[in-house]
Amino acid sequence: MPDLGELQSRLGFTFKAEDLLRLALTHPSVAHEQGVTVQHNQRLEFLGDAVLQLVLTRVLYEKFPDFGEGPLTKARAQLVNRRALAEHGRVLGLGEHLVLSRGEELNQGRSRPSTLADAYEALLGAIFLDSGFEAAEGFILRQFHEVLGSLETLPILENPKGELQEVLQSRSPEAPRYVLMSVSGPDHDRDFECAVYYRKVELGRGSGKSKKEAECRAALNALAALREQAQESAQESEAGHHP
């Protein structure tokens, strides 16, 4: 097993129990190849996944107080998808330190995205066991600093109409209704304006270069208006409790 000092320098973290780091880097293929009970990184991966989810959930919860569970869940899923985690593992150079079976080595296991993502999660689990939650949280926040710092809005409302329907269905089974209010401009450069209604009340309007885009904008504006109403209600309720 190669010396892990260089890797720990790259991580900016020194293990008290280096065996935990070795375990995080041990691929399950080693156990299959040797046919004996060799410990590998799958259990640490399971633990690291939970630690990562908790840290990022807390950040998103605090950074976006106006969003509900659905959008926050989708945003977190984007941050921790396998491709993103594999890239973190690649940047840290985990591949060159992995302990693999001969077969896995021959099959380019060191650069396989799924293997790097698993090793990255296992590394987080190892840091947590070695030095506790605060150490793991600090490491994760450093790793995700750039992407979290640039996250000013939630990049998850690809389907604002679906989001709006989810929000409204918690109130009643009635679906929102989209109405085309106007179409203007020449044939090659049309402007559409749509409004979205719920229980005969207009919730929002939007415009765009297609009917679909206008409906999506109307849904986004309706979501923003509903969040504002919810905040105002909460503030009034709080004021009522503190005369």
C-alpha atoms as a PDB file:
ATOM      1  CA  MET A   1       0.000   0.000   0.000  1.00  0.00           C
ATOM      2  CA  PRO A   2       1.525   3.358  -1.007  1.00  0.00           C
ATOM      3  CA  ASP A   3       2.207   6.114   1.501  1.00  0.00           C
ATOM      4  CA  LEU A   4      -0.928   8.218   2.021  1.00  0.00           C
ATOM      5  CA  GLY A   5       0.818  11.369   3.243  1.00  0.00           C
ATOM      6  CA  GLU A   6       0.628  13.074  -0.139  1.00  0.00           C
ATOM      7  CA  LEU A   7      -3.092  12.323  -0.461  1.00  0.00           C
ATOM      8  CA  GLN A   8      -3.780  13.684   3.025  1.00  0.00           C
ATOM      9  CA  SER A   9      -1.913  16.895   2.111  1.00  0.00           C
ATOM     10  CA  ARG A  10      -4.154  17.208  -0.926  1.00  0.00           C
ATOM     11  CA  LEU A  11      -7.232  16.606   1.214  1.00  0.00           C
ATOM     12  CA  GLY A  12      -6.154  19.248   3.720  1.00  0.00           C
ATOM     13  CA  PHE A  13      -7.008  16.685   6.385  1.00  0.00           C
ATOM     14  CA  THR A  14      -4.763  14.359   8.405  1.00  0.00           C
ATOM     15  CA  PHE A  15      -6.283  11.171   9.760  1.00  0.00           C
ATOM     16  CA  LYS A  16      -5.691  10.150  13.353  1.00  0.00           C
ATOM     17  CA  ALA A  17      -6.473   6.581  12.266  1.00  0.00           C
ATOM     18  CA  GLU A  18      -4.960   6.146   8.814  1.00  0.00           C
ATOM     19  CA  ASP A  19      -6.524   2.684   8.567  1.00  0.00           C
ATOM     20  CA  LEU A  20      -9.886   4.401   8.059  1.00  0.00           C
ATOM     21  CA  LEU A  21      -8.506   6.183   4.998  1.00  0.00           C
ATOM     22  CA  ARG A  22      -7.094   2.885   3.682  1.00  0.00           C
ATOM     23  CA  LEU A  23     -10.501   1.271   4.175  1.00  0.00           C
ATOM     24  CA  ALA A  24     -12.224   4.118   2.307  1.00  0.00           C
ATOM     25  CA  LEU A  25      -9.937   3.445  -0.653  1.00  0.00           C
ATOM     26  CA  THR A  26     -10.465  -0.342  -0.717  1.00  0.00           C
ATOM     27  CA  HIS A  27     -12.771  -1.401  -3.539  1.00  0.00           C
ATOM     28  CA  PRO A  28     -15.216  -4.322  -2.981  1.00  0.00           C
ATOM     29  CA  SER A  29     -13.585  -6.220  -5.857  1.00  0.00           C
ATOM     30  CA  VAL A  30     -10.647  -7.024  -3.554  1.00  0.00           C
ATOM     31  CA  ALA A  31     -12.892  -9.114  -1.302  1.00  0.00           C
ATOM     32  CA  HIS A  32     -14.400 -10.948  -4.293  1.00  0.00           C
ATOM     33  CA  GLU A  33     -10.993 -11.703  -5.752  1.00  0.00           C
ATOM     34  CA  GLN A  34      -9.392 -12.972  -2.558  1.00  0.00           C
ATOM     35  CA  GLY A  35     -12.403 -15.035  -1.579  1.00  0.00           C
ATOM     36  CA  VAL A  36     -11.926 -14.195   2.088  1.00  0.00           C
ATOM     37  CA  THR A  37     -13.516 -11.679   4.413  1.00  0.00           C
ATOM     38  CA  VAL A  38     -11.667  -8.532   3.442  1.00  0.00           C
ATOM     39  CA  GLN A  39     -13.147  -5.261   4.639  1.00  0.00           C
ATOM     40  CA  HIS A  40     -13.938  -2.773   1.883  1.00  0.00           C
ATOM     41  CA  ASN A  41     -15.459   0.674   1.516  1.00  0.00           C
ATOM     42  CA  GLN A  42     -19.183  -0.026   0.958  1.00  0.00           C
ATOM     43  CA  ARG A  43     -20.212   0.484   4.590  1.00  0.00           C
ATOM     44  CA  LEU A  44     -18.214   3.725   4.789  1.00  0.00           C
ATOM     45  CA  GLU A  45     -19.845   4.836   1.537  1.00  0.00           C
ATOM     46  CA  PHE A  46     -23.284   4.295   3.120  1.00  0.00           C
ATOM     47  CA  LEU A  47     -22.257   6.408   6.124  1.00  0.00           C
ATOM     48  CA  GLY A  48     -20.590   9.124   4.058  1.00  0.00           C
ATOM     49  CA  ASP A  49     -23.663   9.499   1.874  1.00  0.00           C
ATOM     50  CA  ALA A  50     -25.780  10.245   4.968  1.00  0.00           C
ATOM     51  CA  VAL A  51     -23.251  12.777   6.322  1.00  0.00           C
ATOM     52  CA  LEU A  52     -23.055  14.542   2.948  1.00  0.00           C
ATOM     53  CA  GLN A  53     -26.850  14.692   2.630  1.00  0.00           C
ATOM     54  CA  LEU A  54     -27.204  16.173   6.118  1.00  0.00           C
ATOM     55  CA  VAL A  55     -24.561  18.860   5.602  1.00  0.00           C
ATOM     56  CA  LEU A  56     -25.934  19.982   2.229  1.00  0.00           C
ATOM     57  CA  THR A  57     -29.551  19.771   3.423  1.00  0.00           C
ATOM     58  CA  ARG A  58     -28.737  22.162   6.252  1.00  0.00           C
ATOM     59  CA  VAL A  59     -26.977  24.608   3.897  1.00  0.00           C
ATOM     60  CA  LEU A  60     -29.894  24.611   1.439  1.00  0.00           C
ATOM     61  CA  TYR A  61     -32.431  24.889   4.280  1.00  0.00           C
ATOM     62  CA  GLU A  62     -30.707  28.016   5.628  1.00  0.00           C
ATOM     63  CA  LYS A  63     -29.819  29.556   2.250  1.00  0.00           C
ATOM     64  CA  PHE A  64     -33.305  29.247   0.721  1.00  0.00           C
ATOM     65  CA  PRO A  65     -35.909  29.882   3.454  1.00  0.00           C
ATOM     66  CA  ASP A  66     -38.680  30.523   0.905  1.00  0.00           C
ATOM     67  CA  PHE A  67     -38.560  27.103  -0.752  1.00  0.00           C
ATOM     68  CA  GLY A  68     -40.393  23.964   0.317  1.00  0.00           C
ATOM     69  CA  GLU A  69     -39.297  20.361   0.544  1.00  0.00           C
ATOM     70  CA  GLY A  70     -39.774  19.507  -3.167  1.00  0.00           C
ATOM     71  CA  PRO A  71     -37.447  22.133  -4.678  1.00  0.00           C
ATOM     72  CA  LEU A  72     -34.862  21.695  -1.889  1.00  0.00           C
ATOM     73  CA  THR A  73     -34.801  17.931  -2.444  1.00  0.00           C
ATOM     74  CA  LYS A  74     -34.258  18.404  -6.172  1.00  0.00           C
ATOM     75  CA  ALA A  75     -31.475  20.949  -5.610  1.00  0.00           C
ATOM     76  CA  ARG A  76     -29.706  18.586  -3.203  1.00  0.00           C
ATOM     77  CA  ALA A  77     -30.021  15.720  -5.684  1.00  0.00           C
ATOM     78  CA  GLN A  78     -28.271  17.838  -8.314  1.00  0.00           C
ATOM     79  CA  LEU A  79     -25.397  18.611  -5.931  1.00  0.00           C
ATOM     80  CA  VAL A  80     -24.832  14.963  -4.986  1.00  0.00           C
ATOM     81  CA  ASN A  81     -25.442  13.196  -8.285  1.00  0.00           C
ATOM     82  CA  ARG A  82     -22.917  10.481  -9.154  1.00  0.00           C
ATOM     83  CA  ARG A  83     -21.249  12.555 -11.856  1.00  0.00           C
ATOM     84  CA  ALA A  84     -20.616  15.470  -9.464  1.00  0.00           C
ATOM     85  CA  LEU A  85     -19.227  13.182  -6.747  1.00  0.00           C
ATOM     86  CA  ALA A  86     -17.000  11.356  -9.241  1.00  0.00           C
ATOM     87  CA  GLU A  87     -15.559  14.722 -10.293  1.00  0.00           C
ATOM     88  CA  HIS A  88     -14.776  15.569  -6.654  1.00  0.00           C
ATOM     89  CA  GLY A  89     -13.014  12.196  -6.353  1.00  0.00           C
ATOM     90  CA  ARG A  90     -11.089  12.770  -9.573  1.00  0.00           C
ATOM     91  CA  VAL A  91      -9.904  16.261  -8.529  1.00  0.00           C
ATOM     92  CA  LEU A  92      -8.644  14.851  -5.225  1.00  0.00           C
ATOM     93  CA  GLY A  93      -6.750  12.125  -7.069  1.00  0.00           C
ATOM     94  CA  LEU A  94      -8.479   9.273  -5.240  1.00  0.00           C
ATOM     95  CA  GLY A  95      -8.148   6.976  -8.273  1.00  0.00           C
ATOM     96  CA  GLU A  96      -4.387   6.584  -8.031  1.00  0.00           C
ATOM     97  CA  HIS A  97      -4.665   5.499  -4.374  1.00  0.00           C
ATOM     98  CA  LEU A  98      -7.491   2.965  -4.756  1.00  0.00           C
ATOM     99  CA  VAL A  99      -6.913  -0.637  -3.735  1.00  0.00           C
ATOM    100  CA  LEU A 100      -8.411  -2.724  -6.556  1.00  0.00           C
ATOM    101  CA  SER A 101      -8.546  -6.323  -7.690  1.00  0.00           C
ATOM    102  CA  ARG A 102      -6.420  -7.234 -10.714  1.00  0.00           C
ATOM    103  CA  GLY A 103      -9.570  -7.540 -12.847  1.00  0.00           C
ATOM    104  CA  GLU A 104     -10.824  -4.124 -11.804  1.00  0.00           C
ATOM    105  CA  GLU A 105      -7.396  -2.622 -12.472  1.00  0.00           C
ATOM    106  CA  LEU A 106      -7.416  -4.069 -16.004  1.00  0.00           C
ATOM    107  CA  ASN A 107     -10.904  -2.669 -16.612  1.00  0.00           C
ATOM    108  CA  GLN A 108      -9.839   0.949 -15.951  1.00  0.00           C
ATOM    109  CA  GLY A 109     -11.328   0.827 -12.453  1.00  0.00           C
ATOM    110  CA  ARG A 110      -9.191   3.748 -11.266  1.00  0.00           C
ATOM    111  CA  SER A 111     -10.942   6.176 -13.573  1.00  0.00           C
ATOM    112  CA  ARG A 112     -14.452   4.706 -13.520  1.00  0.00           C
ATOM    113  CA  PRO A 113     -16.919   7.419 -12.377  1.00  0.00           C
ATOM    114  CA  SER A 114     -19.013   5.074 -10.191  1.00  0.00           C
ATOM    115  CA  THR A 115     -15.879   3.844  -8.386  1.00  0.00           C
ATOM    116  CA  LEU A 116     -14.620   7.387  -7.796  1.00  0.00           C
ATOM    117  CA  ALA A 117     -18.039   8.540  -6.534  1.00  0.00           C
ATOM    118  CA  ASP A 118     -18.223   5.584  -4.121  1.00  0.00           C
ATOM    119  CA  ALA A 119     -14.689   6.226  -2.854  1.00  0.00           C
ATOM    120  CA  TYR A 120     -15.486   9.902  -2.344  1.00  0.00           C
ATOM    121  CA  GLU A 121     -18.522   9.086  -0.189  1.00  0.00           C
ATOM    122  CA  ALA A 122     -16.497   6.489   1.702  1.00  0.00           C
ATOM    123  CA  LEU A 123     -13.835   9.146   2.356  1.00  0.00           C
ATOM    124  CA  LEU A 124     -16.491  11.402   3.927  1.00  0.00           C
ATOM    125  CA  GLY A 125     -17.634   8.518   6.134  1.00  0.00           C
ATOM    126  CA  ALA A 126     -14.026   7.887   7.169  1.00  0.00           C
ATOM    127  CA  ILE A 127     -13.460  11.553   8.098  1.00  0.00           C
ATOM    128  CA  PHE A 128     -16.669  11.502  10.156  1.00  0.00           C
ATOM    129  CA  LEU A 129     -15.617   8.372  12.081  1.00  0.00           C
ATOM    130  CA  ASP A 130     -12.069   9.632  12.534  1.00  0.00           C
ATOM    131  CA  SER A 131     -12.757  13.162  13.763  1.00  0.00           C
ATOM    132  CA  GLY A 132     -16.500  13.686  14.176  1.00  0.00           C
ATOM    133  CA  PHE A 133     -19.271  15.591  12.447  1.00  0.00           C
ATOM    134  CA  GLU A 134     -17.721  19.068  12.596  1.00  0.00           C
ATOM    135  CA  ALA A 135     -14.571  17.882  10.823  1.00  0.00           C
ATOM    136  CA  ALA A 136     -16.608  16.143   8.130  1.00  0.00           C
ATOM    137  CA  GLU A 137     -18.865  19.184   7.758  1.00  0.00           C
ATOM    138  CA  GLY A 138     -15.863  21.511   7.406  1.00  0.00           C
ATOM    139  CA  PHE A 139     -14.334  19.277   4.735  1.00  0.00           C
ATOM    140  CA  ILE A 140     -17.597  19.067   2.778  1.00  0.00           C
ATOM    141  CA  LEU A 141     -18.191  22.827   2.936  1.00  0.00           C
ATOM    142  CA  ARG A 142     -14.672  23.455   1.622  1.00  0.00           C
ATOM    143  CA  GLN A 143     -15.255  20.961  -1.172  1.00  0.00           C
ATOM    144  CA  PHE A 144     -18.614  22.469  -2.155  1.00  0.00           C
ATOM    145  CA  HIS A 145     -17.681  26.094  -1.409  1.00  0.00           C
ATOM    146  CA  GLU A 146     -17.525  27.169  -5.042  1.00  0.00           C
ATOM    147  CA  VAL A 147     -20.770  25.579  -6.194  1.00  0.00           C
ATOM    148  CA  LEU A 148     -22.683  26.651  -3.062  1.00  0.00           C
ATOM    149  CA  GLY A 149     -21.269  30.187  -3.258  1.00  0.00           C
ATOM    150  CA  SER A 150     -22.524  30.601  -6.815  1.00  0.00           C
ATOM    151  CA  LEU A 151     -25.939  29.146  -5.980  1.00  0.00           C
ATOM    152  CA  GLU A 152     -28.037  32.295  -5.734  1.00  0.00           C
ATOM    153  CA  THR A 153     -31.254  30.694  -6.949  1.00  0.00           C
ATOM    154  CA  LEU A 154     -32.379  27.104  -6.909  1.00  0.00           C
ATOM    155  CA  PRO A 155     -31.596  25.568 -10.316  1.00  0.00           C
ATOM    156  CA  ILE A 156     -34.469  23.176 -10.108  1.00  0.00           C
ATOM    157  CA  LEU A 157     -37.598  24.782 -11.431  1.00  0.00           C
ATOM    158  CA  GLU A 158     -37.395  23.175 -14.867  1.00  0.00           C
ATOM    159  CA  ASN A 159     -41.040  22.334 -14.273  1.00  0.00           C
ATOM    160  CA  PRO A 160     -42.641  25.322 -12.516  1.00  0.00           C
ATOM    161  CA  LYS A 161     -46.115  24.215 -13.647  1.00  0.00           C
ATOM    162  CA  GLY A 162     -45.585  20.910 -11.874  1.00  0.00           C
ATOM    163  CA  GLU A 163     -44.256  22.688  -8.777  1.00  0.00           C
ATOM    164  CA  LEU A 164     -47.290  24.984  -8.700  1.00  0.00           C
ATOM    165  CA  GLN A 165     -49.665  22.054  -9.046  1.00  0.00           C
ATOM    166  CA  GLU A 166     -47.920  20.275  -6.132  1.00  0.00           C
ATOM    167  CA  VAL A 167     -48.271  23.359  -3.924  1.00  0.00           C
ATOM    168  CA  LEU A 168     -51.937  23.851  -4.800  1.00  0.00           C
ATOM    169  CA  GLN A 169     -52.865  20.180  -4.473  1.00  0.00           C
ATOM    170  CA  SER A 170     -51.888  20.361  -0.806  1.00  0.00           C
ATOM    171  CA  ARG A 171     -54.889  22.706  -0.487  1.00  0.00           C
ATOM    172  CA  SER A 172     -57.421  20.973  -2.714  1.00  0.00           C
ATOM    173  CA  PRO A 173     -57.549  18.529  -5.646  1.00  0.00           C
ATOM    174  CA  GLU A 174     -58.587  21.323  -8.023  1.00  0.00           C
ATOM    175  CA  ALA A 175     -55.958  21.946 -10.737  1.00  0.00           C
ATOM    176  CA  PRO A 176     -54.727  25.404 -11.796  1.00  0.00           C
ATOM    177  CA  ARG A 177     -56.059  26.669 -15.141  1.00  0.00           C
ATOM    178  CA  TYR A 178     -53.924  28.476 -17.729  1.00  0.00           C
ATOM    179  CA  VAL A 179     -55.557  31.085 -19.969  1.00  0.00           C
ATOM    180  CA  LEU A 180     -53.963  32.675 -23.031  1.00  0.00           C
ATOM    181  CA  MET A 181     -54.586  36.395 -22.534  1.00  0.00           C
ATOM    182  CA  SER A 182     -52.993  37.863 -25.659  1.00  0.00           C
ATOM    183  CA  VAL A 183     -50.802  37.208 -28.674  1.00  0.00           C
ATOM    184  CA  SER A 184     -48.967  40.086 -30.314  1.00  0.00           C
ATOM    185  CA  GLY A 185     -46.192  40.749 -32.816  1.00  0.00           C
ATOM    186  CA  PRO A 186     -45.562  39.475 -36.353  1.00  0.00           C
ATOM    187  CA  ASP A 187     -45.743  35.771 -37.205  1.00  0.00           C
ATOM    188  CA  HIS A 188     -41.988  35.273 -36.978  1.00  0.00           C
ATOM    189  CA  ASP A 189     -41.677  37.039 -33.598  1.00  0.00           C
ATOM    190  CA  ARG A 190     -44.789  36.420 -31.530  1.00  0.00           C
ATOM    191  CA  ASP A 191     -45.251  37.435 -27.883  1.00  0.00           C
ATOM    192  CA  PHE A 192     -47.632  35.346 -25.782  1.00  0.00           C
ATOM    193  CA  GLU A 193     -49.133  36.363 -22.449  1.00  0.00           C
ATOM    194  CA  CYS A 194     -50.740  33.807 -20.156  1.00  0.00           C
ATOM    195  CA  ALA A 195     -52.401  33.963 -16.764  1.00  0.00           C
ATOM    196  CA  VAL A 196     -52.825  31.127 -14.301  1.00  0.00           C
ATOM    197  CA  TYR A 197     -56.062  30.865 -12.309  1.00  0.00           C
ATOM    198  CA  TYR A 198     -56.948  28.801  -9.277  1.00  0.00           C
ATOM    199  CA  ARG A 199     -60.508  28.730  -7.984  1.00  0.00           C
ATOM    200  CA  LYS A 200     -61.311  31.639 -10.372  1.00  0.00           C
ATOM    201  CA  VAL A 201     -58.593  33.821  -8.814  1.00  0.00           C
ATOM    202  CA  GLU A 202     -55.633  34.945 -10.908  1.00  0.00           C
ATOM    203  CA  LEU A 203     -52.371  33.855  -9.244  1.00  0.00           C
ATOM    204  CA  GLY A 204     -49.853  35.164 -11.758  1.00  0.00           C
ATOM    205  CA  ARG A 205     -49.094  36.224 -15.319  1.00  0.00           C
ATOM    206  CA  GLY A 206     -46.182  35.614 -17.613  1.00  0.00           C
ATOM    207  CA  SER A 207     -45.079  36.301 -21.151  1.00  0.00           C
ATOM    208  CA  GLY A 208     -42.778  34.527 -23.572  1.00  0.00           C
ATOM    209  CA  LYS A 209     -42.033  33.637 -27.174  1.00  0.00           C
ATOM    210  CA  SER A 210     -44.262  30.568 -26.989  1.00  0.00           C
ATOM    211  CA  LYS A 211     -47.459  29.655 -25.163  1.00  0.00           C
ATOM    212  CA  LYS A 212     -45.507  27.091 -23.127  1.00  0.00           C
ATOM    213  CA  GLU A 213     -42.881  29.629 -22.040  1.00  0.00           C
ATOM    214  CA  ALA A 214     -45.591  32.135 -21.080  1.00  0.00           C
ATOM    215  CA  GLU A 215     -47.355  29.474 -18.961  1.00  0.00           C
ATOM    216  CA  CYS A 216     -44.080  28.573 -17.241  1.00  0.00           C
ATOM    217  CA  ARG A 217     -43.404  32.239 -16.430  1.00  0.00           C
ATOM    218  CA  ALA A 218     -46.941  32.613 -15.105  1.00  0.00           C
ATOM    219  CA  ALA A 219     -46.399  29.566 -12.867  1.00  0.00           C
ATOM    220  CA  LEU A 220     -43.069  30.982 -11.580  1.00  0.00           C
ATOM    221  CA  ASN A 221     -44.711  34.315 -10.782  1.00  0.00           C
ATOM    222  CA  ALA A 222     -47.593  32.521  -9.066  1.00  0.00           C
ATOM    223  CA  LEU A 223     -45.124  30.514  -6.932  1.00  0.00           C
ATOM    224  CA  ALA A 224     -43.321  33.729  -5.951  1.00  0.00           C
ATOM    225  CA  ALA A 225     -46.628  35.397  -5.020  1.00  0.00           C
ATOM    226  CA  LEU A 226     -47.725  32.383  -2.942  1.00  0.00           C
ATOM    227  CA  ARG A 227     -44.397  32.359  -1.074  1.00  0.00           C
ATOM    228  CA  GLU A 228     -44.798  36.068  -0.337  1.00  0.00           C
ATOM    229  CA  GLN A 229     -48.328  35.512   0.964  1.00  0.00           C
ATOM    230  CA  ALA A 230     -47.122  32.653   3.166  1.00  0.00           C
ATOM    231  CA  GLN A 231     -44.381  34.866   4.630  1.00  0.00           C
ATOM    232  CA  GLU A 232     -46.823  37.698   5.316  1.00  0.00           C
ATOM    233  CA  SER A 233     -49.257  35.291   7.005  1.00  0.00           C
ATOM    234  CA  ALA A 234     -46.446  33.894   9.151  1.00  0.00           C
ATOM    235  CA  GLN A 235     -45.353  37.414  10.167  1.00  0.00           C
ATOM    236  CA  GLU A 236     -48.931  38.431  11.017  1.00  0.00           C
ATOM    237  CA  SER A 237     -49.393  35.258  13.013  1.00  0.00           C
ATOM    238  CA  GLU A 238     -46.164  35.926  14.896  1.00  0.00           C
ATOM    239  CA  ALA A 239     -47.196  39.530  15.561  1.00  0.00           C
ATOM    240  CA  GLY A 240     -50.520  38.249  16.901  1.00  0.00           C
ATOM    241  CA  HIS A 241     -48.689  36.054  19.393  1.00  0.00           C
ATOM    242  CA  HIS A 242     -46.539  38.968  20.611  1.00  0.00           C
ATOM    243  CA  PRO A 243     -48.812  41.920  21.383  1.00  0.00           C
END
